[in-house]
C-alpha atoms as a PDB file:
ATOM      1  CA  MET A   1      13.189  -1.411 -17.862  1.00  0.00           C
ATOM      2  CA  THR A   2      12.713  -3.282 -15.126  1.00  0.00           C
ATOM      3  CA  GLU A   3       9.306  -3.322 -13.011  1.00  0.00           C
ATOM      4  CA  ASN A   4      11.508  -1.523 -10.477  1.00  0.00           C
ATOM      5  CA  ALA A   5      11.910   2.101  -9.964  1.00  0.00           C
ATOM      6  CA  ILE A   6      15.073   1.887  -7.749  1.00  0.00           C
ATOM      7  CA  GLU A   7      17.708  -0.929  -7.559  1.00  0.00           C
ATOM      8  CA  ILE A   8      20.112  -0.597  -5.027  1.00  0.00           C
ATOM      9  CA  THR A   9      22.837  -3.514  -4.666  1.00  0.00           C
ATOM     10  CA  GLY A  10      25.741  -3.741  -2.074  1.00  0.00           C
ATOM     11  CA  LEU A  11      25.407   0.243  -1.440  1.00  0.00           C
ATOM     12  CA  ARG A  12      28.234   0.910   1.013  1.00  0.00           C
ATOM     13  CA  LYS A  13      29.162   4.773   2.325  1.00  0.00           C
ATOM     14  CA  THR A  14      32.088   5.449   4.398  1.00  0.00           C
ATOM     15  CA  TYR A  15      33.049   9.089   5.330  1.00  0.00           C
ATOM     16  CA  ALA A  16      37.083   9.959   5.675  1.00  0.00           C
ATOM     17  CA  ALA A  17      38.584  10.389   9.302  1.00  0.00           C
ATOM     18  CA  SER A  18      38.499  13.972  10.425  1.00  0.00           C
ATOM     19  CA  ALA A  19      39.291  15.726  13.547  1.00  0.00           C
ATOM     20  CA  GLY A  20      40.928  12.918  15.136  1.00  0.00           C
ATOM     21  CA  GLU A  21      37.787  10.801  14.604  1.00  0.00           C
ATOM     22  CA  PRO A  22      37.823   7.416  12.972  1.00  0.00           C
ATOM     23  CA  PRO A  23      36.146   6.932   9.618  1.00  0.00           C
ATOM     24  CA  LYS A  24      32.386   6.176   9.686  1.00  0.00           C
ATOM     25  CA  GLU A  25      30.593   3.711   8.080  1.00  0.00           C
ATOM     26  CA  ALA A  26      27.433   5.252   6.970  1.00  0.00           C
ATOM     27  CA  LEU A  27      25.662   2.695   4.922  1.00  0.00           C
ATOM     28  CA  LYS A  28      26.952  -0.710   5.473  1.00  0.00           C
ATOM     29  CA  GLY A  29      25.728  -3.070   2.286  1.00  0.00           C
ATOM     30  CA  ILE A  30      22.046  -1.560   1.629  1.00  0.00           C
ATOM     31  CA  ASP A  31      20.071  -4.079  -1.073  1.00  0.00           C
ATOM     32  CA  LEU A  32      16.887  -2.607  -1.828  1.00  0.00           C
ATOM     33  CA  ALA A  33      14.422  -2.755  -4.470  1.00  0.00           C
ATOM     34  CA  ILE A  34      11.567  -0.091  -4.730  1.00  0.00           C
ATOM     35  CA  PRO A  35       8.869  -1.179  -7.133  1.00  0.00           C
ATOM     36  CA  GLN A  36       7.504   1.152  -9.897  1.00  0.00           C
ATOM     37  CA  GLY A  37       4.064   3.176  -8.785  1.00  0.00           C
ATOM     38  CA  SER A  38       4.655   2.698  -5.174  1.00  0.00           C
ATOM     39  CA  ILE A  39       4.624   4.766  -2.064  1.00  0.00           C
ATOM     40  CA  PHE A  40       7.323   3.583  -0.440  1.00  0.00           C
ATOM     41  CA  GLY A  41       8.260   4.551   3.398  1.00  0.00           C
ATOM     42  CA  LEU A  42      11.873   4.624   4.295  1.00  0.00           C
ATOM     43  CA  LEU A  43      12.319   4.585   8.359  1.00  0.00           C
ATOM     44  CA  GLY A  44      14.803   4.732  10.559  1.00  0.00           C
ATOM     45  CA  PRO A  45      16.261   6.601  13.561  1.00  0.00           C
ATOM     46  CA  ASN A  46      18.486   9.826  13.582  1.00  0.00           C
ATOM     47  CA  GLY A  47      21.692   9.125  12.532  1.00  0.00           C
ATOM     48  CA  ALA A  48      20.367   5.450  10.701  1.00  0.00           C
ATOM     49  CA  GLY A  49      21.651   6.121   7.053  1.00  0.00           C
ATOM     50  CA  LYS A  50      18.438   7.572   5.043  1.00  0.00           C
ATOM     51  CA  SER A  51      19.573  10.941   4.402  1.00  0.00           C
ATOM     52  CA  THR A  52      22.928   9.469   3.111  1.00  0.00           C
ATOM     53  CA  LEU A  53      20.997   7.077   0.718  1.00  0.00           C
ATOM     54  CA  ILE A  54      18.708  10.078  -0.250  1.00  0.00           C
ATOM     55  CA  ASN A  55      21.745  12.188  -1.029  1.00  0.00           C
ATOM     56  CA  ILE A  56      23.176   9.346  -2.788  1.00  0.00           C
ATOM     57  CA  LEU A  57      20.138   8.909  -4.935  1.00  0.00           C
ATOM     58  CA  ALA A  58      20.002  12.390  -5.672  1.00  0.00           C
ATOM     59  CA  GLY A  59      23.613  12.675  -6.661  1.00  0.00           C
ATOM     60  CA  LEU A  60      24.702  14.887  -4.152  1.00  0.00           C
ATOM     61  CA  VAL A  61      26.879  12.419  -2.113  1.00  0.00           C
ATOM     62  CA  LEU A  62      29.414   9.866  -3.931  1.00  0.00           C
ATOM     63  CA  LYS A  63      28.818   6.075  -2.654  1.00  0.00           C
ATOM     64  CA  THR A  64      31.657   3.838  -1.659  1.00  0.00           C
ATOM     65  CA  SER A  65      30.726   0.944  -3.608  1.00  0.00           C
ATOM     66  CA  GLY A  66      27.801  -0.824  -4.674  1.00  0.00           C
ATOM     67  CA  SER A  67      25.670  -0.504  -7.232  1.00  0.00           C
ATOM     68  CA  VAL A  68      22.680   2.004  -7.916  1.00  0.00           C
ATOM     69  CA  ARG A  69      19.796   2.113 -10.773  1.00  0.00           C
ATOM     70  CA  ILE A  70      17.452   4.981 -11.172  1.00  0.00           C
ATOM     71  CA  TRP A  71      14.304   4.194 -13.393  1.00  0.00           C
ATOM     72  CA  GLY A  72      16.869   1.329 -15.604  1.00  0.00           C
ATOM     73  CA  PHE A  73      19.371   4.129 -15.776  1.00  0.00           C
ATOM     74  CA  ASP A  74      23.061   2.774 -13.725  1.00  0.00           C
ATOM     75  CA  GLN A  75      24.082   5.948 -11.625  1.00  0.00           C
ATOM     76  CA  ASP A  76      27.535   5.408 -12.977  1.00  0.00           C
ATOM     77  CA  VAL A  77      27.137   4.938 -16.608  1.00  0.00           C
ATOM     78  CA  ASN A  78      24.399   7.283 -17.381  1.00  0.00           C
ATOM     79  CA  PRO A  79      24.326   9.956 -13.844  1.00  0.00           C
ATOM     80  CA  ARG A  80      22.481  12.780 -15.859  1.00  0.00           C
ATOM     81  CA  GLN A  81      19.621  10.625 -17.017  1.00  0.00           C
ATOM     82  CA  SER A  82      19.806   9.076 -13.569  1.00  0.00           C
ATOM     83  CA  ARG A  83      19.483  12.217 -11.537  1.00  0.00           C
ATOM     84  CA  ALA A  84      17.026  13.574 -14.298  1.00  0.00           C
ATOM     85  CA  SER A  85      14.297  10.583 -12.889  1.00  0.00           C
ATOM     86  CA  ILE A  86      14.361  11.531  -9.477  1.00  0.00           C
ATOM     87  CA  GLY A  87      12.720  14.682  -8.114  1.00  0.00           C
ATOM     88  CA  VAL A  88      13.885  15.405  -4.504  1.00  0.00           C
ATOM     89  CA  MET A  89      11.830  17.772  -1.768  1.00  0.00           C
ATOM     90  CA  PRO A  90      14.377  18.227   0.874  1.00  0.00           C
ATOM     91  CA  GLN A  91      14.289  18.666   4.291  1.00  0.00           C
ATOM     92  CA  GLU A  92      16.443  22.077   4.527  1.00  0.00           C
ATOM     93  CA  LEU A  93      14.336  25.279   2.734  1.00  0.00           C
ATOM     94  CA  ASN A  94      17.225  26.001   0.318  1.00  0.00           C
ATOM     95  CA  ILE A  95      15.522  28.642  -1.466  1.00  0.00           C
ATOM     96  CA  ASP A  96      17.270  32.051  -2.778  1.00  0.00           C
ATOM     97  CA  PRO A  97      15.120  34.611  -0.750  1.00  0.00           C
ATOM     98  CA  PHE A  98      15.254  37.227  -3.824  1.00  0.00           C
ATOM     99  CA  PHE A  99      13.638  34.279  -6.265  1.00  0.00           C
ATOM    100  CA  THR A 100       9.580  34.660  -6.568  1.00  0.00           C
ATOM    101  CA  PRO A 101       8.058  31.481  -6.640  1.00  0.00           C
ATOM    102  CA  ARG A 102       7.422  31.772 -10.396  1.00  0.00           C
ATOM    103  CA  ALA A 103      11.239  32.562 -10.840  1.00  0.00           C
ATOM    104  CA  ALA A 104      12.565  29.662  -8.693  1.00  0.00           C
ATOM    105  CA  LEU A 105      10.248  26.948 -10.675  1.00  0.00           C
ATOM    106  CA  GLU A 106      11.457  28.741 -13.873  1.00  0.00           C
ATOM    107  CA  VAL A 107      15.373  28.405 -12.974  1.00  0.00           C
ATOM    108  CA  GLN A 108      14.781  25.069 -11.576  1.00  0.00           C
ATOM    109  CA  ALA A 109      13.118  23.609 -15.073  1.00  0.00           C
ATOM    110  CA  GLY A 110      15.936  25.284 -17.015  1.00  0.00           C
ATOM    111  CA  LEU A 111      18.460  23.731 -14.834  1.00  0.00           C
ATOM    112  CA  TYR A 112      17.124  20.273 -15.894  1.00  0.00           C
ATOM    113  CA  GLY A 113      16.875  21.506 -19.419  1.00  0.00           C
ATOM    114  CA  VAL A 114      13.056  21.511 -19.826  1.00  0.00           C
ATOM    115  CA  PRO A 115      12.342  24.026 -23.038  1.00  0.00           C
ATOM    116  CA  LYS A 116      10.012  26.714 -22.190  1.00  0.00           C
ATOM    117  CA  SER A 117       7.266  25.188 -24.332  1.00  0.00           C
ATOM    118  CA  ARG A 118       7.069  22.088 -22.044  1.00  0.00           C
ATOM    119  CA  ARG A 119       7.106  24.045 -18.516  1.00  0.00           C
ATOM    120  CA  ARG A 120       3.901  23.547 -16.412  1.00  0.00           C
ATOM    121  CA  THR A 121       4.650  26.562 -13.870  1.00  0.00           C
ATOM    122  CA  ASP A 122       1.283  27.620 -13.551  1.00  0.00           C
ATOM    123  CA  GLU A 123      -0.079  24.212 -13.307  1.00  0.00           C
ATOM    124  CA  ILE A 124       2.437  23.622 -10.491  1.00  0.00           C
ATOM    125  CA  LEU A 125       1.708  26.811  -9.048  1.00  0.00           C
ATOM    126  CA  ARG A 126      -1.972  26.079  -8.801  1.00  0.00           C
ATOM    127  CA  MET A 127      -1.152  22.500  -7.391  1.00  0.00           C
ATOM    128  CA  ILE A 128       0.883  23.514  -4.500  1.00  0.00           C
ATOM    129  CA  GLY A 129      -1.650  26.591  -3.676  1.00  0.00           C
ATOM    130  CA  LEU A 130       1.075  29.663  -4.329  1.00  0.00           C
ATOM    131  CA  GLU A 131      -0.445  31.146  -7.478  1.00  0.00           C
ATOM    132  CA  ASP A 132      -1.607  33.721  -6.015  1.00  0.00           C
ATOM    133  CA  LYS A 133       1.644  34.108  -4.113  1.00  0.00           C
ATOM    134  CA  ALA A 134       3.828  33.635  -7.526  1.00  0.00           C
ATOM    135  CA  GLU A 135       5.220  37.284  -7.917  1.00  0.00           C
ATOM    136  CA  ALA A 136       6.149  37.727  -4.136  1.00  0.00           C
ATOM    137  CA  TYR A 137       9.505  37.133  -2.860  1.00  0.00           C
ATOM    138  CA  ALA A 138      10.361  34.075  -1.648  1.00  0.00           C
ATOM    139  CA  ARG A 139      11.711  36.002   1.591  1.00  0.00           C
ATOM    140  CA  THR A 140       8.043  36.627   2.601  1.00  0.00           C
ATOM    141  CA  LEU A 141       6.545  33.555   2.159  1.00  0.00           C
ATOM    142  CA  SER A 142       5.899  31.391   5.319  1.00  0.00           C
ATOM    143  CA  GLY A 143       7.627  28.321   6.379  1.00  0.00           C
ATOM    144  CA  GLY A 144       4.458  26.130   5.359  1.00  0.00           C
ATOM    145  CA  MET A 145       4.356  28.044   1.801  1.00  0.00           C
ATOM    146  CA  ARG A 146       8.567  27.604   1.227  1.00  0.00           C
ATOM    147  CA  ARG A 147       7.620  23.937   2.168  1.00  0.00           C
ATOM    148  CA  ARG A 148       5.109  24.382  -0.814  1.00  0.00           C
ATOM    149  CA  LEU A 149       7.574  25.801  -3.326  1.00  0.00           C
ATOM    150  CA  LEU A 150      10.433  23.091  -2.332  1.00  0.00           C
ATOM    151  CA  LEU A 151       7.711  20.482  -3.501  1.00  0.00           C
ATOM    152  CA  GLY A 152       7.000  22.707  -7.185  1.00  0.00           C
ATOM    153  CA  LYS A 153      10.859  22.746  -7.582  1.00  0.00           C
ATOM    154  CA  ALA A 154      11.039  18.677  -7.372  1.00  0.00           C
ATOM    155  CA  LEU A 155       8.305  18.608  -9.825  1.00  0.00           C
ATOM    156  CA  VAL A 156       9.009  20.700 -12.810  1.00  0.00           C
ATOM    157  CA  HIS A 157      11.189  18.211 -14.910  1.00  0.00           C
ATOM    158  CA  ARG A 158       8.144  15.543 -13.985  1.00  0.00           C
ATOM    159  CA  PRO A 159      10.433  13.212 -12.719  1.00  0.00           C
ATOM    160  CA  PRO A 160       8.459   9.171 -12.538  1.00  0.00           C
ATOM    161  CA  ILE A 161      10.169   9.243  -9.000  1.00  0.00           C
ATOM    162  CA  LEU A 162       9.626  11.432  -6.148  1.00  0.00           C
ATOM    163  CA  VAL A 163      11.453  11.497  -3.294  1.00  0.00           C
ATOM    164  CA  LEU A 164       9.739  13.148  -0.157  1.00  0.00           C
ATOM    165  CA  ASP A 165      12.513  13.700   2.919  1.00  0.00           C
ATOM    166  CA  GLU A 166      10.805  14.661   5.976  1.00  0.00           C
ATOM    167  CA  PRO A 167       8.205  16.758   4.109  1.00  0.00           C
ATOM    168  CA  THR A 168       5.826  17.476   6.705  1.00  0.00           C
ATOM    169  CA  ALA A 169       8.334  17.881   9.780  1.00  0.00           C
ATOM    170  CA  GLY A 170       6.627  21.020  11.995  1.00  0.00           C
ATOM    171  CA  VAL A 171       4.362  22.211   9.399  1.00  0.00           C
ATOM    172  CA  ASP A 172       0.671  22.593  10.390  1.00  0.00           C
ATOM    173  CA  ILE A 173      -2.427  20.221   9.597  1.00  0.00           C
ATOM    174  CA  GLU A 174      -3.610  22.375   6.314  1.00  0.00           C
ATOM    175  CA  LEU A 175      -0.249  21.615   4.753  1.00  0.00           C
ATOM    176  CA  ARG A 176      -0.374  18.129   5.704  1.00  0.00           C
ATOM    177  CA  GLN A 177      -3.264  17.280   4.220  1.00  0.00           C
ATOM    178  CA  MET A 178      -2.535  19.261   1.206  1.00  0.00           C
ATOM    179  CA  LEU A 179       0.759  17.804   0.509  1.00  0.00           C
ATOM    180  CA  TRP A 180      -0.824  14.353   0.417  1.00  0.00           C
ATOM    181  CA  ARG A 181      -3.567  14.842  -1.227  1.00  0.00           C
ATOM    182  CA  ASN A 182      -1.494  15.722  -3.723  1.00  0.00           C
ATOM    183  CA  VAL A 183       1.035  12.837  -3.192  1.00  0.00           C
ATOM    184  CA  ARG A 184      -1.891  10.699  -3.765  1.00  0.00           C
ATOM    185  CA  LYS A 185      -2.681  12.456  -6.800  1.00  0.00           C
ATOM    186  CA  LEU A 186       0.385  11.845  -8.267  1.00  0.00           C
ATOM    187  CA  ASN A 187       0.935   8.223  -7.466  1.00  0.00           C
ATOM    188  CA  ALA A 188      -2.498   7.521  -8.894  1.00  0.00           C
ATOM    189  CA  GLU A 189      -0.975   9.042 -11.984  1.00  0.00           C
ATOM    190  CA  GLY A 190       1.883   6.748 -11.939  1.00  0.00           C
ATOM    191  CA  MET A 191       4.575   8.362 -10.083  1.00  0.00           C
ATOM    192  CA  THR A 192       6.754   6.239  -7.561  1.00  0.00           C
ATOM    193  CA  VAL A 193       7.072   8.257  -4.254  1.00  0.00           C
ATOM    194  CA  ILE A 194       9.501   7.348  -1.718  1.00  0.00           C
ATOM    195  CA  LEU A 195       8.635   8.789   1.869  1.00  0.00           C
ATOM    196  CA  THR A 196      10.941   9.548   4.710  1.00  0.00           C
ATOM    197  CA  THR A 197       8.817  10.383   8.119  1.00  0.00           C
ATOM    198  CA  HIS A 198       9.228  10.742  11.975  1.00  0.00           C
ATOM    199  CA  TYR A 199       5.207  10.333  11.984  1.00  0.00           C
ATOM    200  CA  LEU A 200       4.841   6.997  11.778  1.00  0.00           C
ATOM    201  CA  GLU A 201       1.118   7.236  11.429  1.00  0.00           C
ATOM    202  CA  GLU A 202       1.772   9.002   8.191  1.00  0.00           C
ATOM    203  CA  ALA A 203       4.062   5.829   6.822  1.00  0.00           C
ATOM    204  CA  GLU A 204       1.558   3.362   8.076  1.00  0.00           C
ATOM    205  CA  ASP A 205      -1.540   5.598   6.374  1.00  0.00           C
ATOM    206  CA  MET A 206       0.114   6.464   3.379  1.00  0.00           C
ATOM    207  CA  CYS A 207       2.462   3.505   2.295  1.00  0.00           C
ATOM    208  CA  ASP A 208       2.140   0.027   0.423  1.00  0.00           C
ATOM    209  CA  GLU A 209       5.436  -0.945   1.756  1.00  0.00           C
ATOM    210  CA  VAL A 210       8.051   0.054   4.134  1.00  0.00           C
ATOM    211  CA  ALA A 211      12.163  -0.308   4.505  1.00  0.00           C
ATOM    212  CA  ILE A 212      13.297   0.057   7.982  1.00  0.00           C
ATOM    213  CA  ILE A 213      16.899   1.456   8.468  1.00  0.00           C
ATOM    214  CA  ASN A 214      19.013   0.918  11.314  1.00  0.00           C
ATOM    215  CA  HIS A 215      23.041   1.380  11.629  1.00  0.00           C
ATOM    216  CA  GLY A 216      23.562   1.578   8.154  1.00  0.00           C
ATOM    217  CA  GLN A 217      21.498  -1.851   7.125  1.00  0.00           C
ATOM    218  CA  VAL A 218      18.111  -2.489   6.196  1.00  0.00           C
ATOM    219  CA  VAL A 219      16.813  -4.315   9.515  1.00  0.00           C
ATOM    220  CA  ALA A 220      13.141  -5.150   8.070  1.00  0.00           C
ATOM    221  CA  ARG A 221      11.124  -4.372   4.742  1.00  0.00           C
ATOM    222  CA  ASP A 222       7.809  -5.645   3.891  1.00  0.00           C
ATOM    223  CA  ARG A 223       4.291  -4.597   2.633  1.00  0.00           C
ATOM    224  CA  THR A 224       3.202  -2.328   5.648  1.00  0.00           C
ATOM    225  CA  ALA A 225      -0.007  -4.535   6.659  1.00  0.00           C
ATOM    226  CA  ALA A 226       2.485  -7.728   6.868  1.00  0.00           C
ATOM    227  CA  LEU A 227       5.436  -5.788   8.756  1.00  0.00           C
ATOM    228  CA  LEU A 228       2.083  -5.343  11.159  1.00  0.00           C
ATOM    229  CA  GLY A 229       1.627  -8.521  11.313  1.00  0.00           C
ATOM    230  CA  ARG A 230       4.693  -9.903  12.687  1.00  0.00           C
ATOM    231  CA  MET A 231       4.022  -8.433  15.981  1.00  0.00           C
ATOM    232  CA  ASP A 232       3.037 -10.662  18.181  1.00  0.00           C
ATOM    233  CA  ALA A 233       1.667  -8.091  20.735  1.00  0.00           C
ATOM    234  CA  LYS A 234      -2.062  -7.708  20.874  1.00  0.00           C
ATOM    235  CA  THR A 235      -4.041  -5.729  23.432  1.00  0.00           C
ATOM    236  CA  LEU A 236      -7.556  -7.008  24.936  1.00  0.00           C
ATOM    237  CA  VAL A 237      -9.775  -3.940  26.054  1.00  0.00           C
ATOM    238  CA  VAL A 238     -12.300  -5.074  28.720  1.00  0.00           C
ATOM    239  CA  HIS A 239     -15.485  -2.855  29.453  1.00  0.00           C
ATOM    240  CA  GLY A 240     -17.620  -4.526  32.699  1.00  0.00           C
ATOM    241  CA  GLU A 241     -21.151  -3.412  33.414  1.00  0.00           C
ATOM    242  CA  ASP A 242     -19.880  -2.804  37.027  1.00  0.00           C
ATOM    243  CA  PRO A 243     -16.207  -1.295  38.054  1.00  0.00           C
ATOM    244  CA  ALA A 244     -13.833  -4.410  37.763  1.00  0.00           C
ATOM    245  CA  PRO A 245     -11.499  -5.372  40.704  1.00  0.00           C
ATOM    246  CA  ALA A 246      -8.144  -3.730  40.793  1.00  0.00           C
ATOM    247  CA  ASP A 247      -6.318  -7.337  40.629  1.00  0.00           C
ATOM    248  CA  PHE A 248      -7.232 -10.596  39.133  1.00  0.00           C
ATOM    249  CA  PRO A 249      -5.376 -13.144  38.286  1.00  0.00           C
ATOM    250  CA  LEU A 250      -4.544 -14.085  34.494  1.00  0.00           C
ATOM    251  CA  PRO A 251      -2.946 -16.092  32.347  1.00  0.00           C
ATOM    252  CA  GLU A 252       0.876 -16.384  32.751  1.00  0.00           C
ATOM    253  CA  GLY A 253       2.348 -13.264  30.852  1.00  0.00           C
ATOM    254  CA  CYS A 254      -0.449 -11.053  30.853  1.00  0.00           C
ATOM    255  CA  THR A 255      -0.597  -7.737  32.588  1.00  0.00           C
ATOM    256  CA  ALA A 256      -3.723  -5.763  32.942  1.00  0.00           C
ATOM    257  CA  SER A 257      -3.880  -1.695  33.336  1.00  0.00           C
ATOM    258  CA  ARG A 258      -7.089   0.461  34.037  1.00  0.00           C
ATOM    259  CA  ARG A 259      -7.766   3.355  31.678  1.00  0.00           C
ATOM    260  CA  PRO A 260      -9.258   6.748  32.502  1.00  0.00           C
ATOM    261  CA  ASP A 261     -13.018   5.561  31.032  1.00  0.00           C
ATOM    262  CA  GLY A 262     -12.624   1.951  33.348  1.00  0.00           C
ATOM    263  CA  SER A 263     -12.024  -0.200  31.122  1.00  0.00           C
ATOM    264  CA  ILE A 264      -9.272  -2.588  31.473  1.00  0.00           C
ATOM    265  CA  ALA A 265      -6.702  -3.277  29.175  1.00  0.00           C
ATOM    266  CA  ILE A 266      -5.275  -6.447  28.992  1.00  0.00           C
ATOM    267  CA  ALA A 267      -1.624  -7.019  27.092  1.00  0.00           C
ATOM    268  CA  TYR A 268      -0.850 -10.413  26.347  1.00  0.00           C
ATOM    269  CA  ARG A 269       1.188 -12.271  23.360  1.00  0.00           C
ATOM    270  CA  ARG A 270      -1.170 -14.077  20.868  1.00  0.00           C
ATOM    271  CA  SER A 271       2.126 -17.051  20.332  1.00  0.00           C
ATOM    272  CA  ARG A 272       1.393 -17.981  24.328  1.00  0.00           C
ATOM    273  CA  THR A 273      -1.894 -16.821  25.243  1.00  0.00           C
ATOM    274  CA  SER A 274      -5.436 -16.700  23.532  1.00  0.00           C
ATOM    275  CA  PRO A 275      -8.168 -14.249  24.079  1.00  0.00           C
ATOM    276  CA  GLU A 276     -10.398 -17.209  25.208  1.00  0.00           C
ATOM    277  CA  ASP A 277      -7.931 -17.968  27.860  1.00  0.00           C
ATOM    278  CA  ILE A 278      -8.178 -13.994  29.049  1.00  0.00           C
ATOM    279  CA  LEU A 279     -12.034 -14.161  28.895  1.00  0.00           C
ATOM    280  CA  ALA A 280     -12.165 -17.261  30.918  1.00  0.00           C
ATOM    281  CA  ALA A 281     -10.358 -15.430  33.498  1.00  0.00           C
ATOM    282  CA  VAL A 282     -12.076 -12.216  33.330  1.00  0.00           C
ATOM    283  CA  ARG A 283     -15.610 -14.034  33.915  1.00  0.00           C
ATOM    284  CA  ALA A 284     -13.806 -16.134  36.891  1.00  0.00           C
ATOM    285  CA  ALA A 285     -12.869 -12.816  38.316  1.00  0.00           C
ATOM    286  CA  GLY A 286     -17.061 -11.838  38.398  1.00  0.00           C
ATOM    287  CA  ILE A 287     -16.755  -9.231  35.773  1.00  0.00           C
ATOM    288  CA  ARG A 288     -19.541  -9.121  34.023  1.00  0.00           C
ATOM    289  CA  LEU A 289     -18.888  -8.210  30.416  1.00  0.00           C
ATOM    290  CA  ARG A 290     -20.252  -4.985  28.325  1.00  0.00           C
ATOM    291  CA  ASP A 291     -18.054  -4.783  25.688  1.00  0.00           C
ATOM    292  CA  VAL A 292     -15.079  -6.374  24.494  1.00  0.00           C
ATOM    293  CA  ALA A 293     -12.353  -5.350  21.695  1.00  0.00           C
ATOM    294  CA  THR A 294      -8.931  -5.916  20.421  1.00  0.00           C
ATOM    295  CA  GLU A 295      -5.903  -3.428  19.784  1.00  0.00           C
ATOM    296  CA  GLU A 296      -3.519  -4.527  17.253  1.00  0.00           C
ATOM    297  CA  PRO A 297       0.131  -3.012  17.351  1.00  0.00           C
ATOM    298  CA  ASP A 298       0.736   0.115  14.919  1.00  0.00           C
ATOM    299  CA  LEU A 299       4.157   0.464  12.916  1.00  0.00           C
ATOM    300  CA  GLN A 300       5.372   2.361  15.949  1.00  0.00           C
ATOM    301  CA  ASP A 301       5.255  -0.220  18.033  1.00  0.00           C
ATOM    302  CA  VAL A 302       6.955  -2.219  15.010  1.00  0.00           C
ATOM    303  CA  PHE A 303       9.815   0.213  14.506  1.00  0.00           C
ATOM    304  CA  LEU A 304      10.781   0.038  17.923  1.00  0.00           C
ATOM    305  CA  GLU A 305      10.460  -3.418  18.278  1.00  0.00           C
ATOM    306  CA  ILE A 306      12.814  -4.017  15.700  1.00  0.00           C
ATOM    307  CA  THR A 307      15.665  -1.511  16.411  1.00  0.00           C
ATOM    308  CA  ARG A 308      15.852  -2.174  19.853  1.00  0.00           C
ATOM    309  CA  ALA A 309      16.637  -5.650  18.841  1.00  0.00           C
ATOM    310  CA  ARG A 310      19.139  -4.739  16.170  1.00  0.00           C
ATOM    311  CA  SER A 311      20.755  -2.130  18.799  1.00  0.00           C
ATOM    312  CA  GLY A 312      20.877  -5.032  21.406  1.00  0.00           C
ATOM    313  CA  ALA A 313      22.537  -7.494  18.781  1.00  0.00           C
ATOM    314  CA  ALA A 314      24.666  -4.954  17.885  1.00  0.00           C
END
């Protein structure tokens, strides 16, 4: 067993031509190693290849070429062991409406060959907050409860790796908080978690590392803090004792805008301009400073800049 939970090398997937459409290359040589015990973010715009990658990991889609190792098992050599090492909470609410949560978990455990003596159905029902709905038909559950059940089904065989594919899309705040509490607990117990999400603030808050996929390729991969540190753009927010003038000279490349609270937000690039130069311009404009703050870019800024750059290059 290596230090990586998942190792992907040269992974390609090409979908065959259909209905007059040419073949579609969904993955174009993905190389990716995901460390054991991490919470790893997999981000990208719609159609970037994230779902194809996850479905290949789950054994639902056959790759065209390349290699995939899951928890040390080569997917081609040991397909059963590699599939048993991963649990996937999918986007789609694919639940049998005539099963109760208890029955759904029992059936799922049986499919993975978990003996009855080792099943954790009651424990999982408590963890996902469905203990009081254990005997209710799934068709009577709310959308949020069905999502909880999907998480439970992904955990029945004690996988060392959990994949969450857009787990909080369209769910309420309570469910989102419950999910993240459980994810942090599972990760603290040693489980590796892979997260795809459109809520970039979630990835920023939850993930140790992030990879960004665009047009079937990994265009960026780093620790979340380091990825944020790549951004050159910053904002200096100036609060004056008196209303600031609407316009005043600033160093080249800086732009200012007034915010509803009366402060002035000055955008600049730290590679070209220092905060001292901006503050000198503020004082030269006669603005008496009451407070000054800086704002760093967030993961959404990084995501947009990287994907825009790659799209432009394409």
